[in-house]
Amino acid sequence: MGSTTPAIRGGAARRAGPARRGAVVAALMLAMALAALDSTVVSTAVPQIVGDLGGFSVFSWLFSGYLLAVTVTLPVYGKLSDTFGRKPVLVAGAAVFLLGSLLCAAAWNMAALIAFRIVQGLGGGALQGTVQTLAADLYPLAERPKIQSKLSTVWAVSAVAGPGLGGVLAAYADWRWIFLVNLPIGAAALWLIVRHLHEPEREKMPHARVDWAGALAVFTCGGVLLTALVQGGVAWPWLSAPSLALFGAGLVLAAVVVAVERRAAEPVIPGWVWRRRTIAAVNLALGALGLLMVAPAVFLPTYAQSVLGLAPVSAGFVLSVWTLSWPLSAACSQHLYRRIGFRDTALCGIGLAALILCAFPFLPYPGSWWQPTLLMLLLGGALGLFQLPLIVGVQSTVGWSERGTTTASVLFCRQTGQTLGASLFGAVANGVLAARLGGAGDLDSVTRALDAGTVPEATRRAIAAAVHAVYLGAAGAAALAFVVLLVLAPRRFPVLQD
C-alpha cells in the first residue's frame, strides 16, 4: 500500500455495498443539482425580480455575491472536510444553502435578496467542493469516471433546463418559487446523506486545530480581490480610486494570508498544495480552463442573437450543445488515460480546444447557425478530455486526509479563472467595440440595443469582431494550459494504489 489512507477509503467503499453507495450517489447528484441549477434558474427571472423589488442598478450582485461567497469558502471547506470528515461539512453546507434559499424567498428588497444570496453561496461552497471529494472517496480509481460523468451530466442538464424552469416559475407562479423549489430537493439530499453516508472510523488527531485566523484571512482577501475583478470596468473604471484601493487592499491582505498560514499548525491553504508539481500544474491548468470557459458562456449568446439573428431560445441552444458532448467525452476519457496517462490525455484535449477556439474567428460573416453550433459541440468534447482526467488524476495522488484540500484548491483556481476571465474578456470586447464604433458603445449598450431589436449593420460587424477577439484570447488561455501541463506536470502522475 502507498499509504494507510487509501486502504481506509477502499475499505469504506467495499463495506458500503451497492445499495447504500447508490443512495449516497443519488444524494450527491441532488446536492450538485442545487448548486448547478442556482445561477441558471435565477438568470431568467431577473426582470420579474427587479420589477417587484427594484434595485436594477445593483441586480448583478445577485450573481456576483453568490459567486464570491462560493469561491472564497472553497479552501475553508476543503480543509474542514479533511479535519472533521465529509459528512458534517456536507450536511452543514446543505443546511446553510437551504436557509439562504428560504431567506431569498422571503426577501423584501434587493439589498436583502443580495445578502441572502451570499448566505446561499456560503453553503454552495460546501456543496461543490465536498461532493467532488466524496465522489473520489466512494469509488476506486478504476470506477471514478462513472461518478464524475454522472456529476457532469447533472451540470449539463441544469444548464439546459435551468433557464426554462426559471422562466416558467417566474411567468406562471412567482419568482420566489425559484428559491422555494430548492427546499424539497435539498431535504431529500439531506435525508439520504444522514441515513446512508457512513464514513469509516479514522485515527483521532488530538492536536488537530481549526485555523480560524487563516480562514478569516483567506475569506477577506479573496472577497476583496474578487470584488475588484468583478466590479472593475463595470461599476467603476479600472484605474479609478475604488479599483486601485481594492487591489491595494487585496495585495496587503494576501501578504497577511501568507504570514498567518506560515505560522499556522494546520493551515487552510497548506504550502504543499503549491510545492507538489502535480497539484500545482493541475491548479494552474484548470485556472486557465475557467478563463477560457467565459468566452462561449458569456459572449456566444449575444453573438448568436445579434450577428446570426437568432431568437433567444435558439441562441441558448447554440451554447448548450457543449453540455451534451462534454460529459460524453469525459466518460470515454478513461479509455484514453489508461493507455497514455492523465497528463497526455489532458494535453490532447486542451490542444484540440485551442485549435477549435482559433477556428471561430474564421467563420464566415454573418454565417449560419450550424457553424458555431458544430464548433461548440467539438469544444465540449475536447474539454471533457481535458478536465476529467486532471481531476481524477490529482485526486488519486493524495490520501483521504489531503483529498478535500486538494479538490478545493482545484475548484478554487477554476472559479477564480472564471472571475478573471469575465473581467479580462469584458475589457477586450468593450475595447474592440469602442474602436470599431468610434468610442460610441460598449457591450452593455449593445445588449440594450439588442433587447430593443435594433442592431445596425455596423454594430453587428463590431460585435462579430469583438467576439472573435475574445475567442482568440480564449485560445491563448488554452495554449497557456497546454504549456503549463507540458512543462510542470509529470508525464505519469504519482498515483497512490487503492
Protein backbone atom coordinates (compact mmCIF):
# COMPACT_ATOMS: atom_id res chain seq x y z
CA MET A 1 0.00 0.00 0.00
CA GLY A 2 1.25 3.52 -0.76
CA SER A 3 -0.30 4.80 2.48
CA THR A 4 -2.90 3.83 5.07
CA THR A 5 -5.39 6.41 3.86
CA PRO A 6 -6.27 4.72 0.53
CA ALA A 7 -6.80 1.45 2.40
CA ILE A 8 -9.31 3.17 4.66
CA ARG A 9 -11.15 4.68 1.70
CA GLY A 10 -11.18 1.43 -0.27
CA GLY A 11 -12.45 -0.48 2.75
CA ALA A 12 -15.21 2.06 3.22
CA ALA A 13 -16.29 1.66 -0.37
CA ARG A 14 -16.42 -2.11 -0.06
CA ARG A 15 -18.36 -2.02 3.23
CA ALA A 16 -20.92 0.42 1.88
CA GLY A 17 -22.44 -2.06 -0.56
CA PRO A 18 -24.09 -1.25 -3.90
CA ALA A 19 -27.46 -0.19 -2.44
CA ARG A 20 -26.06 2.19 0.15
CA ARG A 21 -23.49 3.61 -2.24
CA GLY A 22 -26.22 4.13 -4.84
CA ALA A 23 -28.27 6.10 -2.30
CA VAL A 24 -25.25 8.26 -1.45
CA VAL A 25 -24.56 8.89 -5.14
CA ALA A 26 -28.21 9.96 -5.59
CA ALA A 27 -27.75 12.36 -2.68
CA LEU A 28 -24.56 13.76 -4.22
CA MET A 29 -26.33 14.30 -7.54
CA LEU A 30 -29.20 16.10 -5.82
CA ALA A 31 -26.77 18.27 -3.87
CA MET A 32 -24.85 19.07 -7.04
CA ALA A 33 -28.14 19.91 -8.78
CA LEU A 34 -28.83 22.54 -6.12
CA ALA A 35 -25.56 24.31 -6.88
CA ALA A 36 -25.74 23.78 -10.65
CA LEU A 37 -29.33 24.98 -11.11
CA ASP A 38 -28.98 28.04 -8.94
CA SER A 39 -27.47 30.64 -11.27
CA THR A 40 -29.21 29.45 -14.44
CA VAL A 41 -32.64 29.44 -12.81
CA VAL A 42 -32.20 32.92 -11.33
CA SER A 43 -30.93 34.50 -14.56
CA THR A 44 -34.24 34.24 -16.45
CA ALA A 45 -36.27 35.65 -13.54
CA VAL A 46 -34.27 38.89 -13.19
CA PRO A 47 -36.89 41.09 -14.95
CA GLN A 48 -39.63 39.88 -12.57
CA ILE A 49 -37.36 40.26 -9.53
CA VAL A 50 -36.37 43.80 -10.47
CA GLY A 51 -39.98 44.69 -11.26
CA ASP A 52 -41.06 43.54 -7.80
CA LEU A 53 -38.13 44.68 -5.63
CA GLY A 54 -36.45 47.41 -7.69
CA GLY A 55 -32.68 47.81 -7.48
CA PHE A 56 -31.89 47.48 -11.21
CA SER A 57 -28.52 49.22 -10.78
CA VAL A 58 -27.23 46.52 -8.42
CA PHE A 59 -29.04 43.37 -9.59
CA SER A 60 -25.76 41.94 -10.99
CA TRP A 61 -24.76 41.32 -7.37
CA LEU A 62 -27.38 38.56 -7.29
CA PHE A 63 -24.79 36.58 -9.26
CA SER A 64 -21.54 38.24 -8.19
CA GLY A 65 -22.31 37.96 -4.47
CA TYR A 66 -23.16 34.26 -4.77
CA LEU A 67 -20.04 33.58 -6.88
CA LEU A 68 -17.76 35.40 -4.44
CA ALA A 69 -19.13 33.50 -1.45
CA VAL A 70 -18.75 30.14 -3.18
CA THR A 71 -15.21 30.85 -4.37
CA VAL A 72 -13.69 32.20 -1.17
CA THR A 73 -15.18 29.46 1.01
CA LEU A 74 -13.93 26.53 -1.09
CA PRO A 75 -10.47 26.31 0.55
CA VAL A 76 -12.01 26.60 4.03
CA TYR A 77 -14.50 23.79 3.46
CA GLY A 78 -11.81 21.62 1.88
CA LYS A 79 -9.64 21.84 4.97
CA LEU A 80 -12.62 21.31 7.30
CA SER A 81 -13.63 18.15 5.44
CA ASP A 82 -10.11 16.78 5.81
CA THR A 83 -10.16 17.57 9.53
CA PHE A 84 -13.68 16.58 10.60
CA GLY A 85 -14.91 14.40 7.75
CA ARG A 86 -17.03 14.96 4.65
CA LYS A 87 -20.43 14.22 6.15
CA PRO A 88 -20.64 17.02 8.76
CA VAL A 89 -19.32 19.59 6.26
CA LEU A 90 -21.78 18.49 3.56
CA VAL A 91 -24.74 18.44 5.97
CA ALA A 92 -23.84 21.87 7.36
CA GLY A 93 -23.32 23.31 3.88
CA ALA A 94 -26.63 21.96 2.59
CA ALA A 95 -28.42 23.35 5.66
CA VAL A 96 -26.88 26.81 5.13
CA PHE A 97 -27.78 26.70 1.43
CA LEU A 98 -31.40 25.81 2.21
CA LEU A 99 -31.59 28.53 4.88
CA GLY A 100 -30.32 31.01 2.31
CA SER A 101 -32.92 29.78 -0.19
CA LEU A 102 -35.73 30.24 2.34
CA LEU A 103 -34.49 33.74 3.20
CA CYS A 104 -34.22 34.65 -0.51
CA ALA A 105 -37.86 33.67 -1.00
CA ALA A 106 -38.81 35.99 1.85
CA ALA A 107 -36.65 38.95 0.70
CA TRP A 108 -38.39 42.33 0.93
CA ASN A 109 -35.98 44.41 -1.17
CA MET A 110 -32.96 43.98 -3.45
CA ALA A 111 -30.40 44.60 -0.68
CA ALA A 112 -31.93 41.82 1.43
CA LEU A 113 -32.04 39.46 -1.56
CA ILE A 114 -28.37 40.10 -2.34
CA ALA A 115 -27.42 39.48 1.31
CA PHE A 116 -29.37 36.22 1.36
CA ARG A 117 -27.80 35.15 -1.95
CA ILE A 118 -24.43 35.50 -0.21
CA VAL A 119 -25.76 33.21 2.54
CA GLN A 120 -26.68 30.73 -0.19
CA GLY A 121 -23.16 30.99 -1.56
CA LEU A 122 -21.68 30.23 1.86
CA GLY A 123 -23.48 26.89 1.67
CA GLY A 124 -22.84 26.43 -2.05
CA GLY A 125 -19.08 26.33 -1.49
CA ALA A 126 -19.50 23.30 0.77
CA LEU A 127 -21.77 21.58 -1.76
CA GLN A 128 -19.42 21.96 -4.72
CA GLY A 129 -16.18 21.02 -3.01
CA THR A 130 -17.40 18.22 -0.73
CA VAL A 131 -19.47 16.48 -3.41
CA GLN A 132 -16.44 16.26 -5.69
CA THR A 133 -14.29 14.97 -2.82
CA LEU A 134 -16.83 12.34 -1.77
CA ALA A 135 -17.04 11.13 -5.36
CA ALA A 136 -13.36 10.16 -5.12
CA ASP A 137 -13.80 8.68 -1.64
CA LEU A 138 -16.62 6.37 -2.71
CA TYR A 139 -15.04 4.90 -5.83
CA PRO A 140 -11.65 3.34 -6.53
CA LEU A 141 -9.61 4.86 -9.34
CA ALA A 142 -10.89 2.46 -11.99
CA GLU A 143 -14.51 3.43 -11.33
CA ARG A 144 -14.22 7.18 -10.72
CA PRO A 145 -15.08 8.18 -14.31
CA LYS A 146 -18.57 6.74 -13.70
CA ILE A 147 -19.43 9.06 -10.84
CA GLN A 148 -17.66 12.03 -12.44
CA SER A 149 -19.62 11.57 -15.66
CA LYS A 150 -22.85 11.43 -13.64
CA LEU A 151 -21.96 14.71 -11.92
CA SER A 152 -21.05 16.23 -15.29
CA THR A 153 -24.45 15.15 -16.59
CA VAL A 154 -26.10 16.97 -13.68
CA TRP A 155 -24.34 20.18 -14.75
CA ALA A 156 -25.31 19.61 -18.38
CA VAL A 157 -28.99 19.03 -17.61
CA SER A 158 -29.01 22.05 -15.28
CA ALA A 159 -27.50 24.28 -17.96
CA VAL A 160 -30.20 23.27 -20.44
CA ALA A 161 -33.20 23.03 -18.12
CA GLY A 162 -32.40 25.83 -15.66
CA PRO A 163 -33.32 28.86 -17.80
CA GLY A 164 -36.58 27.24 -18.91
CA LEU A 165 -37.54 26.26 -15.37
CA GLY A 166 -36.77 29.76 -14.09
CA GLY A 167 -38.81 31.35 -16.87
CA VAL A 168 -41.82 29.09 -16.24
CA LEU A 169 -41.79 29.71 -12.48
CA ALA A 170 -41.41 33.47 -12.92
CA ALA A 171 -44.13 33.68 -15.58
CA TYR A 172 -46.77 31.33 -14.20
CA ALA A 173 -46.12 31.25 -10.46
CA ASP A 174 -43.89 33.78 -8.70
CA TRP A 175 -40.15 34.44 -8.82
CA ARG A 176 -39.90 33.41 -5.15
CA TRP A 177 -40.60 29.82 -6.20
CA ILE A 178 -37.22 29.59 -7.90
CA PHE A 179 -35.77 29.56 -4.38
CA LEU A 180 -38.52 27.55 -2.70
CA VAL A 181 -38.07 24.61 -5.12
CA ASN A 182 -34.63 24.12 -3.56
CA LEU A 183 -36.23 23.06 -0.27
CA PRO A 184 -37.69 19.66 -1.25
CA ILE A 185 -34.63 18.81 -3.36
CA GLY A 186 -32.29 19.75 -0.53
CA ALA A 187 -34.39 17.95 2.07
CA ALA A 188 -34.23 14.75 0.03
CA ALA A 189 -30.44 15.09 -0.35
CA LEU A 190 -30.02 15.70 3.38
CA TRP A 191 -32.16 12.69 4.32
CA LEU A 192 -30.16 10.39 2.03
CA ILE A 193 -26.84 11.72 3.32
CA VAL A 194 -27.76 11.41 7.00
CA ARG A 195 -29.26 7.94 6.55
CA HIS A 196 -26.82 6.30 4.14
CA LEU A 197 -23.44 8.08 4.30
CA HIS A 198 -21.32 6.37 6.95
CA GLU A 199 -17.66 7.34 6.90
CA PRO A 200 -15.05 4.90 8.24
CA GLU A 201 -13.53 5.31 11.66
CA ARG A 202 -10.28 7.24 11.48
CA GLU A 203 -7.46 7.61 13.90
CA LYS A 204 -8.18 10.57 16.16
CA MET A 205 -5.88 13.55 15.80
CA PRO A 206 -5.74 15.06 19.32
CA HIS A 207 -3.77 18.11 18.22
CA ALA A 208 -5.89 18.97 15.17
CA ARG A 209 -6.96 22.59 15.36
CA VAL A 210 -9.02 24.72 13.02
CA ASP A 211 -7.07 27.62 11.58
CA TRP A 212 -9.83 30.19 12.07
CA ALA A 213 -7.43 33.12 11.66
CA GLY A 214 -6.28 31.72 8.31
CA ALA A 215 -9.86 31.03 7.25
CA LEU A 216 -10.86 34.63 8.01
CA ALA A 217 -7.78 35.98 6.23
CA VAL A 218 -8.41 33.83 3.13
CA PHE A 219 -12.09 34.78 3.10
CA THR A 220 -11.36 38.51 3.42
CA CYS A 221 -8.51 38.56 0.92
CA GLY A 222 -10.42 36.53 -1.64
CA GLY A 223 -13.54 38.65 -1.21
CA VAL A 224 -11.66 41.92 -1.72
CA LEU A 225 -9.67 40.76 -4.77
CA LEU A 226 -12.64 39.07 -6.45
CA THR A 227 -14.81 42.13 -5.83
CA ALA A 228 -12.15 44.24 -7.54
CA LEU A 229 -12.18 41.88 -10.54
CA VAL A 230 -15.97 41.59 -10.74
CA GLN A 231 -16.72 45.30 -10.42
CA GLY A 232 -13.67 46.73 -12.21
CA GLY A 233 -14.64 48.20 -15.57
CA VAL A 234 -18.33 47.76 -14.67
CA ALA A 235 -19.23 49.74 -11.55
CA TRP A 236 -16.15 51.95 -11.89
CA PRO A 237 -13.19 52.38 -14.30
CA TRP A 238 -10.18 50.13 -13.84
CA LEU A 239 -7.85 53.00 -12.91
CA SER A 240 -10.32 54.75 -10.60
CA ALA A 241 -9.82 55.24 -6.86
CA PRO A 242 -12.19 52.38 -5.80
CA SER A 243 -10.48 49.90 -8.12
CA LEU A 244 -6.96 50.85 -7.06
CA ALA A 245 -7.96 50.86 -3.38
CA LEU A 246 -9.45 47.35 -3.61
CA PHE A 247 -6.44 45.93 -5.44
CA GLY A 248 -4.08 47.61 -2.99
CA ALA A 249 -6.02 46.26 -0.02
CA GLY A 250 -6.11 42.83 -1.63
CA LEU A 251 -2.33 42.74 -2.02
CA VAL A 252 -1.86 43.74 1.62
CA LEU A 253 -4.32 41.05 2.70
CA ALA A 254 -2.52 38.50 0.50
CA ALA A 255 0.67 39.23 2.46
CA VAL A 256 -1.32 38.78 5.69
CA VAL A 257 -2.61 35.40 4.43
CA VAL A 258 0.94 34.23 3.72
CA ALA A 259 2.15 35.36 7.15
CA VAL A 260 -0.77 33.76 9.01
CA GLU A 261 -0.64 30.48 7.07
CA ARG A 262 3.12 30.08 7.56
CA ARG A 263 2.64 30.24 11.33
CA ALA A 264 -0.47 28.03 11.49
CA ALA A 265 -0.13 24.43 12.68
CA GLU A 266 -2.91 23.27 10.29
CA PRO A 267 -3.17 25.99 7.61
CA VAL A 268 -6.30 26.33 5.47
CA ILE A 269 -4.11 26.60 2.35
CA PRO A 270 -1.06 24.44 3.16
CA GLY A 271 2.16 25.07 1.29
CA TRP A 272 2.29 21.55 -0.14
CA VAL A 273 -0.61 22.43 -2.46
CA TRP A 274 1.83 24.52 -4.48
CA ARG A 275 5.07 22.66 -3.75
CA ARG A 276 3.89 19.41 -5.34
CA ARG A 277 4.35 19.59 -9.10
CA THR A 278 1.25 17.60 -9.99
CA ILE A 279 -1.18 19.62 -7.85
CA ALA A 280 0.35 22.97 -8.80
CA ALA A 281 0.21 22.13 -12.52
CA VAL A 282 -3.43 20.98 -12.32
CA ASN A 283 -4.40 24.08 -10.35
CA LEU A 284 -2.87 26.39 -12.96
CA ALA A 285 -4.26 24.40 -15.89
CA LEU A 286 -7.81 24.40 -14.52
CA GLY A 287 -7.48 28.09 -13.71
CA ALA A 288 -6.83 28.58 -17.44
CA LEU A 289 -9.87 26.39 -18.16
CA GLY A 290 -12.04 28.71 -16.06
CA LEU A 291 -10.61 31.63 -18.03
CA LEU A 292 -11.38 30.20 -21.47
CA MET A 293 -14.88 28.98 -20.50
CA VAL A 294 -16.00 32.60 -20.20
CA ALA A 295 -15.68 33.20 -23.95
CA PRO A 296 -18.55 30.96 -25.08
CA ALA A 297 -20.60 31.10 -21.89
CA VAL A 298 -20.82 34.91 -21.76
CA PHE A 299 -20.33 36.14 -25.33
CA LEU A 300 -21.72 33.45 -27.64
CA PRO A 301 -25.44 34.13 -26.88
CA THR A 302 -25.00 37.81 -27.79
CA TYR A 303 -23.16 36.81 -30.97
CA ALA A 304 -25.87 34.33 -31.92
CA GLN A 305 -28.64 36.88 -31.49
CA SER A 306 -27.02 39.99 -32.97
CA VAL A 307 -24.82 38.53 -35.73
CA LEU A 308 -26.74 35.37 -36.66
CA GLY A 309 -30.16 36.91 -35.95
CA LEU A 310 -31.37 34.01 -33.81
CA ALA A 311 -34.12 34.20 -31.20
CA PRO A 312 -33.03 33.93 -27.54
CA VAL A 313 -34.14 30.29 -27.28
CA SER A 314 -32.22 29.33 -30.42
CA ALA A 315 -29.17 31.27 -29.21
CA GLY A 316 -29.31 29.29 -25.99
CA PHE A 317 -29.32 26.06 -27.99
CA VAL A 318 -26.14 27.08 -29.82
CA LEU A 319 -24.41 27.42 -26.46
CA SER A 320 -25.98 24.42 -24.73
CA VAL A 321 -24.72 21.79 -27.18
CA TRP A 322 -21.32 21.73 -25.49
CA THR A 323 -23.03 20.46 -22.33
CA LEU A 324 -24.03 17.39 -24.34
CA SER A 325 -20.60 16.44 -25.70
CA TRP A 326 -18.65 17.42 -22.56
CA PRO A 327 -19.94 14.66 -20.19
CA LEU A 328 -19.94 12.10 -23.02
CA SER A 329 -16.26 12.63 -23.83
CA ALA A 330 -15.45 12.82 -20.11
CA ALA A 331 -16.98 9.39 -19.59
CA CYS A 332 -14.99 7.99 -22.53
CA SER A 333 -11.71 9.63 -21.48
CA GLN A 334 -10.84 6.72 -19.16
CA HIS A 335 -10.15 4.52 -22.18
CA LEU A 336 -7.51 7.01 -23.30
CA TYR A 337 -5.86 7.94 -20.00
CA ARG A 338 -5.47 4.29 -19.04
CA ARG A 339 -3.29 3.92 -22.13
CA ILE A 340 -1.35 7.16 -22.32
CA GLY A 341 -1.77 8.65 -18.85
CA PHE A 342 -3.63 11.56 -17.29
CA ARG A 343 -1.30 14.32 -18.47
CA ASP A 344 -1.10 13.28 -22.11
CA THR A 345 -4.88 12.80 -22.33
CA ALA A 346 -5.39 16.30 -20.95
CA LEU A 347 -2.82 17.64 -23.42
CA CYS A 348 -4.77 16.10 -26.30
CA GLY A 349 -7.99 17.68 -25.02
CA ILE A 350 -6.66 21.18 -24.46
CA GLY A 351 -4.67 21.11 -27.71
CA LEU A 352 -7.86 20.32 -29.65
CA ALA A 353 -9.71 23.02 -27.69
CA ALA A 354 -7.09 25.62 -28.69
CA LEU A 355 -7.49 24.73 -32.38
CA ILE A 356 -11.29 24.87 -32.18
CA LEU A 357 -11.22 28.26 -30.45
CA CYS A 358 -8.81 29.57 -33.09
CA ALA A 359 -11.21 28.40 -35.81
CA PHE A 360 -14.07 30.57 -34.53
CA PRO A 361 -12.77 33.90 -35.97
CA PHE A 362 -12.60 32.25 -39.40
CA LEU A 363 -16.35 31.59 -39.53
CA PRO A 364 -17.98 33.44 -42.46
CA TYR A 365 -19.92 36.62 -41.78
CA PRO A 366 -22.76 36.52 -40.95
CA GLY A 367 -22.71 32.74 -41.30
CA SER A 368 -25.28 30.11 -40.39
CA TRP A 369 -26.38 28.77 -37.01
CA TRP A 370 -24.91 25.29 -37.55
CA GLN A 371 -21.34 26.57 -37.84
CA PRO A 372 -20.82 27.86 -34.27
CA THR A 373 -23.05 25.01 -33.05
CA LEU A 374 -20.67 22.45 -34.55
CA LEU A 375 -17.67 24.22 -33.03
CA MET A 376 -19.32 24.24 -29.60
CA LEU A 377 -20.12 20.53 -29.91
CA LEU A 378 -16.46 19.83 -30.71
CA LEU A 379 -15.25 22.18 -27.95
CA GLY A 380 -17.31 20.38 -25.32
CA GLY A 381 -15.81 17.07 -26.43
CA ALA A 382 -12.28 18.47 -26.22
CA LEU A 383 -12.77 19.97 -22.77
CA GLY A 384 -14.26 16.71 -21.47
CA LEU A 385 -10.97 15.03 -22.40
CA PHE A 386 -9.11 17.79 -20.58
CA GLN A 387 -10.92 18.38 -17.29
CA LEU A 388 -11.95 14.94 -16.01
CA PRO A 389 -8.53 13.23 -16.36
CA LEU A 390 -6.94 16.08 -14.40
CA ILE A 391 -9.50 15.97 -11.57
CA VAL A 392 -9.45 12.16 -11.31
CA GLY A 393 -5.68 12.12 -11.63
CA VAL A 394 -4.91 14.74 -9.00
CA GLN A 395 -7.39 13.25 -6.51
CA SER A 396 -5.64 9.90 -6.96
CA THR A 397 -2.24 11.31 -5.95
CA VAL A 398 -3.31 12.09 -2.38
CA GLY A 399 -4.74 10.16 0.54
CA TRP A 400 -8.02 10.72 2.34
CA SER A 401 -6.64 13.32 4.75
CA GLU A 402 -5.46 15.56 1.89
CA ARG A 403 -8.14 14.97 -0.73
CA GLY A 404 -10.58 17.63 0.44
CA THR A 405 -7.90 20.35 0.45
CA THR A 406 -6.60 19.23 -2.95
CA THR A 407 -10.05 19.14 -4.56
CA ALA A 408 -10.95 22.52 -3.09
CA SER A 409 -7.75 24.09 -4.42
CA VAL A 410 -8.53 22.82 -7.92
CA LEU A 411 -12.11 24.15 -7.84
CA PHE A 412 -10.96 27.43 -6.30
CA CYS A 413 -8.49 28.01 -9.14
CA ARG A 414 -11.12 27.21 -11.76
CA GLN A 415 -13.64 29.60 -10.16
CA THR A 416 -11.00 32.32 -9.86
CA GLY A 417 -10.12 31.82 -13.53
CA GLN A 418 -13.75 32.37 -14.49
CA THR A 419 -13.90 35.58 -12.48
CA LEU A 420 -10.68 36.84 -14.04
CA GLY A 421 -11.90 35.82 -17.49
CA ALA A 422 -15.16 37.75 -17.13
CA SER A 423 -13.23 40.91 -16.30
CA LEU A 424 -10.44 40.42 -18.85
CA PHE A 425 -12.60 39.41 -21.81
CA GLY A 426 -15.19 42.04 -20.95
CA ALA A 427 -12.45 44.67 -21.25
CA VAL A 428 -11.26 43.13 -24.56
CA ALA A 429 -14.78 43.08 -26.02
CA ASN A 430 -15.52 46.65 -24.94
CA GLY A 431 -12.18 47.81 -26.33
CA VAL A 432 -12.84 46.30 -29.75
CA LEU A 433 -16.39 47.66 -29.82
CA ALA A 434 -15.20 51.15 -28.90
CA ALA A 435 -12.51 51.03 -31.61
CA ARG A 436 -14.95 49.81 -34.26
CA LEU A 437 -17.74 52.21 -33.28
CA GLY A 438 -15.57 55.27 -32.71
CA GLY A 439 -15.83 55.09 -28.93
CA ALA A 440 -19.62 55.21 -29.12
CA GLY A 441 -20.51 51.93 -27.46
CA ASP A 442 -19.70 49.05 -25.18
CA LEU A 443 -21.16 45.62 -24.60
CA ASP A 444 -23.86 46.90 -22.25
CA SER A 445 -25.17 49.44 -24.77
CA VAL A 446 -25.11 46.77 -27.48
CA THR A 447 -27.12 44.42 -25.26
CA ARG A 448 -29.72 47.13 -24.67
CA ALA A 449 -29.97 47.73 -28.41
CA LEU A 450 -30.38 44.01 -28.91
CA ASP A 451 -33.26 43.93 -26.43
CA ALA A 452 -34.91 46.74 -28.36
CA GLY A 453 -34.50 44.79 -31.60
CA THR A 454 -32.44 47.49 -33.35
CA VAL A 455 -28.89 46.42 -34.22
CA PRO A 456 -27.39 48.39 -37.14
CA GLU A 457 -25.09 46.61 -39.60
CA ALA A 458 -22.00 48.45 -38.32
CA THR A 459 -22.79 47.33 -34.79
CA ARG A 460 -23.29 43.73 -35.91
CA ARG A 461 -19.87 43.70 -37.53
CA ALA A 462 -18.36 45.29 -34.43
CA ILE A 463 -19.91 42.60 -32.23
CA ALA A 464 -18.53 39.89 -34.53
CA ALA A 465 -15.05 41.41 -34.30
CA ALA A 466 -15.28 41.71 -30.51
CA VAL A 467 -16.37 38.08 -30.05
CA HIS A 468 -13.64 36.93 -32.45
CA ALA A 469 -11.07 38.74 -30.32
CA VAL A 470 -12.46 37.11 -27.17
CA TYR A 471 -12.24 33.66 -28.73
CA LEU A 472 -8.62 34.30 -29.72
CA GLY A 473 -7.98 35.27 -26.10
CA ALA A 474 -9.61 32.01 -25.00
CA ALA A 475 -7.36 30.12 -27.42
CA GLY A 476 -4.42 31.84 -25.73
CA ALA A 477 -5.68 30.59 -22.34
CA ALA A 478 -5.89 27.05 -23.79
CA ALA A 479 -2.33 27.36 -25.07
CA LEU A 480 -1.23 28.51 -21.60
CA ALA A 481 -2.83 25.42 -20.03
CA PHE A 482 -1.06 23.24 -22.60
CA VAL A 483 2.34 24.76 -21.78
CA VAL A 484 1.75 24.50 -18.02
CA LEU A 485 0.96 20.80 -18.25
CA LEU A 486 3.81 20.11 -20.65
CA VAL A 487 6.41 21.89 -18.51
CA LEU A 488 5.22 21.42 -14.91
CA ALA A 489 3.17 18.21 -14.75
CA PRO A 490 4.98 14.87 -14.59
CA ARG A 491 4.24 12.58 -17.50
CA ARG A 492 2.99 9.92 -15.09
CA PHE A 493 1.05 11.15 -12.08
CA PRO A 494 2.29 9.65 -8.77
CA VAL A 495 -0.93 7.72 -8.16
CA LEU A 496 -1.47 6.01 -4.79
CA GLN A 497 -2.57 2.40 -5.10
CA ASP A 498 -6.12 1.59 -3.99
